Protein backbone atom coordinates (compact mmCIF):
# COMPACT_ATOMS: atom_id res chain seq x y z
CA MET A 1 -139.81 7.44 32.22
CA ALA A 2 -140.13 7.55 35.55
CA ASP A 3 -141.15 11.00 37.46
CA LYS A 4 -139.55 14.34 36.76
CA GLY A 5 -136.82 15.82 38.07
CA PHE A 6 -133.08 14.86 38.57
CA HIS A 7 -132.76 10.96 38.91
CA GLU A 8 -129.70 9.60 41.11
CA GLY A 9 -127.09 9.52 38.71
CA GLU A 10 -127.42 13.12 37.74
CA LEU A 11 -127.93 13.90 41.53
CA ALA A 12 -124.70 12.34 42.29
CA VAL A 13 -122.27 13.81 39.53
CA GLN A 14 -123.50 17.06 40.71
CA ARG A 15 -122.83 16.54 44.17
CA ARG A 16 -119.15 15.50 43.45
CA ALA A 17 -118.97 18.50 41.15
CA GLY A 18 -120.11 20.79 43.72
CA VAL A 19 -122.80 22.36 41.75
CA ALA A 20 -125.53 20.60 43.28
CA ALA A 21 -127.24 24.11 44.67
CA GLN A 22 -126.76 25.67 40.81
CA ALA A 23 -128.59 22.47 39.02
CA GLU A 24 -131.14 22.40 41.69
CA ARG A 25 -132.10 26.24 40.16
CA LEU A 26 -131.87 25.49 36.71
CA GLY A 27 -133.68 22.28 36.61
CA THR A 28 -136.68 23.47 38.27
CA ALA A 29 -137.61 25.12 34.93
CA MET A 30 -135.66 23.58 32.86
CA LEU A 31 -137.16 20.10 33.85
CA ALA A 32 -140.94 21.07 34.33
CA THR A 33 -143.64 20.12 32.31
CA PRO A 34 -142.77 20.63 28.43
CA ASP A 35 -144.72 23.03 26.66
CA LEU A 36 -144.53 22.78 23.00
CA ASN A 37 -146.47 25.18 21.64
CA GLY A 38 -144.94 28.35 22.06
CA GLY A 39 -141.15 29.13 21.40
CA ILE A 40 -139.71 25.49 21.57
CA SER A 41 -142.28 24.55 18.78
CA ARG A 42 -141.56 27.15 16.51
CA PHE A 43 -137.61 26.53 16.87
CA LEU A 44 -138.15 23.07 16.15
CA ALA A 45 -140.40 23.87 13.06
CA ASP A 46 -137.30 25.94 11.56
CA ARG A 47 -134.86 23.20 11.67
CA ASP A 48 -132.96 20.69 8.81
CA PHE A 49 -130.85 19.05 11.39
CA ALA A 50 -130.97 16.90 14.47
CA VAL A 51 -130.24 13.31 15.80
CA ILE A 52 -131.79 10.70 17.62
CA THR A 53 -130.77 8.48 20.31
CA ALA A 54 -132.58 5.06 19.88
CA ARG A 55 -131.74 0.87 20.21
CA ASP A 56 -131.66 -1.12 16.76
CA ALA A 57 -133.18 -4.28 16.77
CA ASP A 58 -130.57 -5.96 18.51
CA GLY A 59 -131.19 -3.47 21.81
CA ARG A 60 -127.56 -1.36 20.46
CA LEU A 61 -127.75 2.32 21.62
CA TRP A 62 -127.02 4.44 18.53
CA ILE A 63 -127.56 7.97 17.76
CA SER A 64 -128.06 9.00 13.96
CA PRO A 65 -128.96 12.16 12.22
CA LEU A 66 -132.29 12.98 11.05
CA LEU A 67 -132.01 15.63 7.91
CA ALA A 68 -134.84 16.61 5.86
CA SER A 69 -136.08 20.29 5.04
CA ALA A 70 -137.13 22.53 7.57
CA GLY A 71 -140.77 21.97 8.60
CA PHE A 72 -140.06 18.30 9.54
CA LEU A 73 -139.80 19.03 12.98
CA ASP A 74 -143.90 19.30 14.22
CA ALA A 75 -143.94 20.14 17.60
CA ARG A 76 -147.55 20.48 19.72
CA ASP A 77 -148.88 20.02 23.12
CA ARG A 78 -146.87 16.68 24.80
CA THR A 79 -146.27 15.57 20.73
CA LEU A 80 -143.28 15.51 18.65
CA ARG A 81 -144.40 14.04 14.97
CA ILE A 82 -140.74 13.62 13.03
CA HIS A 83 -141.45 13.53 9.48
CA THR A 84 -138.76 11.85 8.21
CA THR A 85 -136.65 8.34 9.76
CA PRO A 86 -133.16 7.29 9.99
CA ARG A 87 -132.24 6.87 6.10
CA ARG A 88 -131.43 3.36 4.44
CA GLY A 89 -128.19 2.05 5.83
CA ASP A 90 -128.24 3.85 9.19
CA PRO A 91 -127.97 1.67 12.13
CA LEU A 92 -131.56 2.83 13.19
CA GLN A 93 -133.14 1.94 10.54
CA GLY A 94 -136.68 0.67 10.98
CA LEU A 95 -136.84 1.46 14.92
CA ALA A 96 -139.10 -0.14 16.84
CA PRO A 97 -141.71 1.89 19.01
CA GLY A 98 -142.06 2.09 22.24
CA GLN A 99 -138.51 2.65 23.30
CA PRO A 100 -137.12 5.80 25.28
CA VAL A 101 -135.50 7.95 22.75
CA GLY A 102 -133.61 11.22 22.95
CA VAL A 103 -133.72 14.03 20.34
CA LEU A 104 -131.73 16.87 19.86
CA ALA A 105 -132.42 19.48 17.59
CA ILE A 106 -129.62 22.21 16.40
CA GLU A 107 -129.01 25.53 14.24
CA PHE A 108 -125.85 25.47 14.22
CA ALA A 109 -125.51 29.31 12.11
CA THR A 110 -126.96 31.30 15.74
CA ARG A 111 -125.20 28.28 18.08
CA ARG A 112 -128.98 27.01 19.59
CA ARG A 113 -130.09 23.54 20.29
CA VAL A 114 -132.82 22.17 21.96
CA ARG A 115 -133.58 18.66 23.36
CA VAL A 116 -136.59 16.62 23.68
CA ASN A 117 -136.85 13.08 25.52
CA GLY A 118 -139.77 10.79 25.78
CA THR A 119 -141.01 7.67 24.45
CA LEU A 120 -141.05 6.35 20.50
CA ALA A 121 -145.45 6.33 20.44
CA ARG A 122 -145.35 5.25 16.57
CA THR A 123 -143.34 5.38 13.71
CA GLY A 124 -143.73 4.40 9.88
CA ALA A 125 -142.89 5.05 6.38
CA ASP A 126 -143.70 8.44 6.73
CA GLY A 127 -141.92 9.04 10.29
CA LEU A 128 -141.60 8.79 14.00
CA GLU A 129 -144.17 10.27 16.94
CA LEU A 130 -142.75 11.21 20.01
CA ALA A 131 -144.54 11.37 23.52
CA VAL A 132 -142.44 13.92 24.79
CA GLU A 133 -141.10 13.77 28.69
CA GLN A 134 -138.43 17.02 28.66
CA ALA A 135 -137.90 19.33 26.20
CA PHE A 136 -135.18 22.08 27.05
CA GLY A 137 -132.89 24.45 25.65
CA ASN A 138 -129.00 24.89 26.09
CA CYS A 139 -126.85 27.20 26.21
CA PRO A 140 -124.81 27.80 22.97
CA LYS A 141 -121.18 26.86 23.95
CA TYR A 142 -119.02 24.86 22.10
CA ILE A 143 -121.13 24.97 19.24
CA GLN A 144 -119.02 25.84 15.76
CA ARG A 145 -121.04 28.54 13.48
CA ARG A 146 -121.66 26.80 10.32
CA HIS A 147 -123.80 27.00 7.52
CA LEU A 148 -125.11 23.03 6.62
CA GLU A 149 -126.20 23.23 2.78
CA HIS A 150 -128.48 20.04 1.54
CA ILE A 151 -126.76 18.43 -1.46
CA GLU A 152 -128.97 15.35 -2.06
CA ARG A 153 -130.94 12.87 -0.17
CA ALA A 154 -128.82 10.77 2.25
CA VAL A 155 -127.87 7.47 0.95
CA ALA A 156 -126.15 4.49 2.16
CA GLY A 157 -123.11 4.25 0.24
CA HIS A 158 -120.83 1.41 0.84
CA VAL A 159 -121.42 1.27 4.95
CA GLU A 160 -119.15 -1.16 6.41
CA ARG A 161 -119.61 -2.30 10.08
CA TYR A 162 -116.27 -3.11 12.28
CA ASP A 163 -115.40 -3.45 15.60
CA HIS A 164 -112.14 -1.56 15.97
CA LEU A 165 -111.34 1.71 14.26
CA VAL A 166 -109.31 2.00 11.16
CA ALA A 167 -107.24 4.65 9.96
CA GLU A 168 -109.90 6.48 7.77
CA HIS A 169 -111.61 6.56 11.01
CA THR A 170 -109.33 7.84 13.37
CA ALA A 171 -108.32 10.56 10.82
CA LEU A 172 -112.18 11.52 10.53
CA ILE A 173 -111.72 11.95 14.53
CA ALA A 174 -108.95 13.61 14.39
CA ARG A 175 -110.63 16.69 12.58
CA ALA A 176 -113.20 16.92 13.82
CA ASP A 177 -114.87 19.87 16.32
CA THR A 178 -118.17 18.48 16.92
CA PHE A 179 -119.59 15.06 17.92
CA PHE A 180 -122.88 14.14 19.46
CA LEU A 181 -123.22 11.55 22.55
CA GLY A 182 -126.07 9.52 23.17
CA THR A 183 -126.59 7.95 26.41
CA VAL A 184 -129.37 6.17 28.38
CA HIS A 185 -131.07 5.64 32.07
CA PRO A 186 -132.61 2.46 33.29
CA THR A 187 -136.34 4.55 34.13
CA HIS A 188 -135.59 7.57 32.79
CA GLY A 189 -135.08 7.60 29.00
CA ALA A 190 -132.71 8.09 26.46
CA ASP A 191 -130.59 11.77 25.86
CA ALA A 192 -128.87 13.12 22.97
CA SER A 193 -126.54 16.03 23.20
CA HIS A 194 -124.14 17.88 21.30
CA ARG A 195 -119.96 18.16 22.42
CA GLY A 196 -117.56 20.54 20.71
CA GLY A 197 -114.42 21.98 20.54
CA THR A 198 -111.04 22.50 18.92
CA PRO A 199 -110.53 19.88 16.28
CA GLY A 200 -108.41 17.29 17.96
CA PHE A 201 -109.89 17.65 21.07
CA VAL A 202 -111.50 13.69 21.06
CA ARG A 203 -108.19 11.53 21.53
CA VAL A 204 -107.74 8.44 20.31
CA GLU A 205 -105.79 6.19 22.49
CA GLY A 206 -105.10 2.51 22.62
CA GLY A 207 -108.30 2.05 20.27
CA GLN A 208 -110.17 3.64 22.65
CA LEU A 209 -111.46 7.40 22.56
CA TRP A 210 -111.30 10.04 25.14
CA TRP A 211 -112.27 13.98 25.40
CA PRO A 212 -112.03 16.12 28.53
CA ASP A 213 -115.58 17.61 30.07
CA TYR A 214 -115.81 21.28 29.83
CA PRO A 215 -117.80 23.79 31.97
CA GLY A 216 -121.72 23.66 31.37
CA ASN A 217 -125.36 23.89 32.56
CA ASN A 218 -124.30 22.06 35.47
CA MET A 219 -126.99 19.80 35.15
CA PHE A 220 -124.77 16.98 33.98
CA ASN A 221 -127.70 14.90 32.03
CA SER A 222 -125.07 12.88 30.18
CA PHE A 223 -122.81 12.43 33.35
CA GLY A 224 -125.86 10.93 34.95
CA ASN A 225 -126.98 8.33 32.94
CA LEU A 226 -123.61 7.24 32.60
CA ALA A 227 -123.34 7.32 36.21
CA SER A 228 -126.17 4.55 36.14
CA ASP A 229 -125.80 2.87 32.82
CA LYS A 230 -122.14 3.10 30.87
CA THR A 231 -124.21 2.30 27.82
CA ALA A 232 -123.13 5.15 25.01
CA ALA A 233 -123.36 5.83 21.13
CA LEU A 234 -121.17 8.44 19.35
CA LEU A 235 -121.94 10.13 15.81
CA PHE A 236 -119.63 12.13 13.94
CA VAL A 237 -120.26 14.07 10.73
CA ASP A 238 -117.52 15.40 8.33
CA PHE A 239 -119.05 18.76 7.02
CA GLU A 240 -117.00 19.27 4.35
CA THR A 241 -118.01 15.90 2.93
CA GLY A 242 -121.22 14.82 4.49
CA VAL A 243 -119.98 11.20 5.44
CA SER A 244 -120.89 10.03 9.01
CA LEU A 245 -119.06 7.49 11.62
CA HIS A 246 -121.27 5.74 14.36
CA LEU A 247 -119.68 4.58 17.25
CA SER A 248 -121.23 1.95 19.85
CA GLY A 249 -119.98 1.00 22.83
CA THR A 250 -119.44 2.28 26.53
CA ALA A 251 -118.10 5.10 28.05
CA THR A 252 -116.67 5.90 31.75
CA VAL A 253 -116.45 9.35 33.45
CA GLU A 254 -113.59 10.02 34.98
CA TRP A 255 -112.13 12.52 37.59
CA THR A 256 -108.80 13.84 37.64
CA ALA A 257 -107.14 16.58 38.94
CA ALA A 258 -107.62 19.88 37.10
CA GLY A 259 -105.36 21.24 35.10
CA ILE A 260 -103.73 18.10 33.73
CA ALA A 261 -102.60 17.62 30.44
CA GLY A 262 -105.02 16.61 28.57
CA ASP A 263 -107.39 19.14 30.77
CA ASP A 264 -108.54 21.59 28.15
CA GLY A 265 -111.52 22.90 29.89
CA GLY A 266 -109.61 22.76 33.39
CA ALA A 267 -113.24 20.67 35.04
CA GLY A 268 -110.68 18.02 35.79
CA ARG A 269 -113.34 15.62 34.22
CA ARG A 270 -112.78 13.33 30.77
CA VAL A 271 -114.82 10.80 29.46
CA ARG A 272 -113.17 7.15 28.24
CA PHE A 273 -115.45 5.64 25.28
CA ALA A 274 -114.80 2.01 24.81
CA ILE A 275 -116.04 0.32 21.18
CA GLU A 276 -117.96 -2.27 20.94
CA SER A 277 -119.14 -1.76 17.42
CA ILE A 278 -118.86 0.97 14.53
CA ALA A 279 -121.13 1.62 11.04
CA SER A 280 -119.41 3.70 8.39
CA GLY A 281 -119.48 5.07 4.95
CA LEU A 282 -123.17 6.42 5.15
CA ARG A 283 -123.09 9.67 3.39
CA LEU A 284 -125.60 12.41 4.60
CA GLY A 285 -126.11 14.73 1.63
CA ILE A 286 -124.86 17.86 3.13
CA ARG A 287 -121.47 20.23 3.16
CA SER A 288 -120.39 23.27 4.64
CA GLU A 289 -117.68 25.67 4.65
CA ALA A 290 -115.37 26.41 7.79
CA PRO A 291 -116.96 26.87 10.11
CA HIS A 292 -116.37 29.75 12.87
CA PRO A 293 -115.17 27.93 16.10
CA SER A 294 -117.03 29.04 19.23
CA PRO A 295 -114.72 31.57 21.46
CA HIS A 296 -115.38 29.63 24.44
CA ASN A 297 -113.37 26.78 22.99
CA PRO A 298 -110.60 26.10 25.45
CA PRO A 299 -107.18 25.51 23.80
CA MET A 300 -105.69 21.96 24.08
CA THR A 301 -103.15 21.04 26.70
């Protein structure tokens, strides 16, 4: 990873959105040298669900779930030890060390999340070890409150690869209130983030996906990465059945007039995602009852 602080893509998006001053104030604290021995460490230790952004053996970017009993995320000093790996059939099974990765740990029940970014220093059958460069919390906006139940170990099921959406994929996306976004910068590493909204907020149009941006913390980590490198990955999870849908491709930020049709959050921004590869069918061994929607979800327009 390069020096700390916002990179050129993040700065450019912050300026265009008119929030450079606000972002600078936040970034001073949030992007400081990470301390993993305090509250962040305790939060991570209690989690049983996370996601990781990384590249597979062919160099393709994916974002994949990490699931285990609480305690599988062990953070100390500048190191995060992850006592599990992406499961059999997952696009990121068999991760190669030495690459930048982004991890997001989330607690749906309390609408809390922490991002941890760095370099994958070691991999093995017993787990992963991350040399941490960034660690910071995010606001609770747009997280749907739900209680996850682990019902079995994740199994491959009938994992299939596609280069386009089929009906079952479109149906899963249409009912999703949550997905995870993986992005990467050429020198500043990888990132994993959360997106949430009213079911249907992710639209399928002409074989591509698009979704409106909502007002957030003004740091634009994901958008900044996309301004420098369009490579992106999405992960959808059906929390009723545990079925997951992995998408890999490219994403572009589109600036629109605020308040036009589809600009649900009134931000005047949306993201259009072009699909290059799909992996579907992996069952995660989790389920959830109907969630309590975030009070911040804007109505669809």
